[in-house]
Amino acid sequence: MSPSIPLFGAYFPAWLICTGAGVLGAAVVRVAFVRLGVDELLPWRLLTYICVAAIVGFALALTVFGR
């Protein structure tokens, strides 16, 4: 059975929470990269931010749920 998180009276699957956190993490990293001037140097921006979102989501799933 997959882990579920009760929020607002409903149960959400853990992967959905991890995906949302990954997207938010990628947005924060993008803001930091733009301020540092690194964003302009990235050859494949979309792939980079997708990988950052995956790293954040997988790290959250590993640390919180141990999966």
Protein backbone atom coordinates (compact mmCIF):
# COMPACT_ATOMS: atom_id res chain seq x y z
CA MET A 1 0.00 0.00 0.00
CA SER A 2 1.35 3.40 -0.89
CA PRO A 3 1.86 6.05 1.79
CA SER A 4 -0.86 8.68 1.98
CA ILE A 5 -0.88 12.07 3.66
CA PRO A 6 -4.09 13.51 5.11
CA LEU A 7 -4.53 17.14 4.00
CA PHE A 8 -7.70 19.24 4.11
CA GLY A 9 -9.90 16.25 4.91
CA ALA A 10 -8.65 14.10 2.01
CA TYR A 11 -5.83 11.61 1.57
CA PHE A 12 -3.20 12.53 -1.00
CA PRO A 13 -0.63 10.04 -2.30
CA ALA A 14 2.92 10.74 -1.19
CA TRP A 15 4.21 10.90 -4.77
CA LEU A 16 1.91 13.84 -5.45
CA ILE A 17 3.33 15.77 -2.50
CA CYS A 18 6.90 14.92 -3.59
CA THR A 19 6.16 16.05 -7.15
CA GLY A 20 4.77 19.36 -5.94
CA ALA A 21 7.77 19.89 -3.69
CA GLY A 22 10.07 19.09 -6.61
CA VAL A 23 8.39 21.69 -8.81
CA LEU A 24 8.62 24.29 -6.04
CA GLY A 25 12.26 23.37 -5.45
CA ALA A 26 13.05 23.76 -9.14
CA ALA A 27 11.37 27.18 -9.14
CA VAL A 28 13.47 28.28 -6.16
CA VAL A 29 16.65 27.01 -7.84
CA ARG A 30 15.71 28.87 -11.04
CA VAL A 31 15.26 32.14 -9.14
CA ALA A 32 18.65 31.61 -7.50
CA PHE A 33 20.28 30.80 -10.86
CA VAL A 34 18.78 33.91 -12.48
CA ARG A 35 20.04 36.13 -9.65
CA LEU A 36 23.51 34.57 -9.85
CA GLY A 37 23.62 34.84 -13.65
CA VAL A 38 24.01 31.08 -14.13
CA ASP A 39 20.69 30.69 -15.97
CA GLU A 40 22.02 32.38 -19.09
CA LEU A 41 24.93 29.93 -19.28
CA LEU A 42 22.81 26.76 -19.22
CA PRO A 43 22.66 25.07 -22.64
CA TRP A 44 19.51 23.00 -21.92
CA ARG A 45 17.49 24.91 -19.36
CA LEU A 46 14.35 22.79 -19.49
CA LEU A 47 16.25 19.54 -19.01
CA THR A 48 18.25 21.09 -16.17
CA TYR A 49 15.17 22.23 -14.26
CA ILE A 50 13.36 18.93 -14.84
CA CYS A 51 16.37 17.13 -13.35
CA VAL A 52 16.44 19.54 -10.40
CA ALA A 53 12.74 18.88 -9.78
CA ALA A 54 13.35 15.12 -9.93
CA ILE A 55 16.29 15.37 -7.53
CA VAL A 56 14.26 17.37 -5.00
CA GLY A 57 11.26 15.06 -5.29
CA PHE A 58 13.31 11.87 -4.99
CA ALA A 59 15.32 13.28 -2.08
CA LEU A 60 12.11 14.16 -0.25
CA ALA A 61 10.65 10.72 -0.89
CA LEU A 62 13.83 9.05 0.32
CA THR A 63 14.23 11.10 3.47
CA VAL A 64 10.59 11.33 4.54
CA PHE A 65 9.13 8.01 3.36
CA GLY A 66 12.26 5.88 3.03
CA ARG A 67 11.32 4.65 -0.43
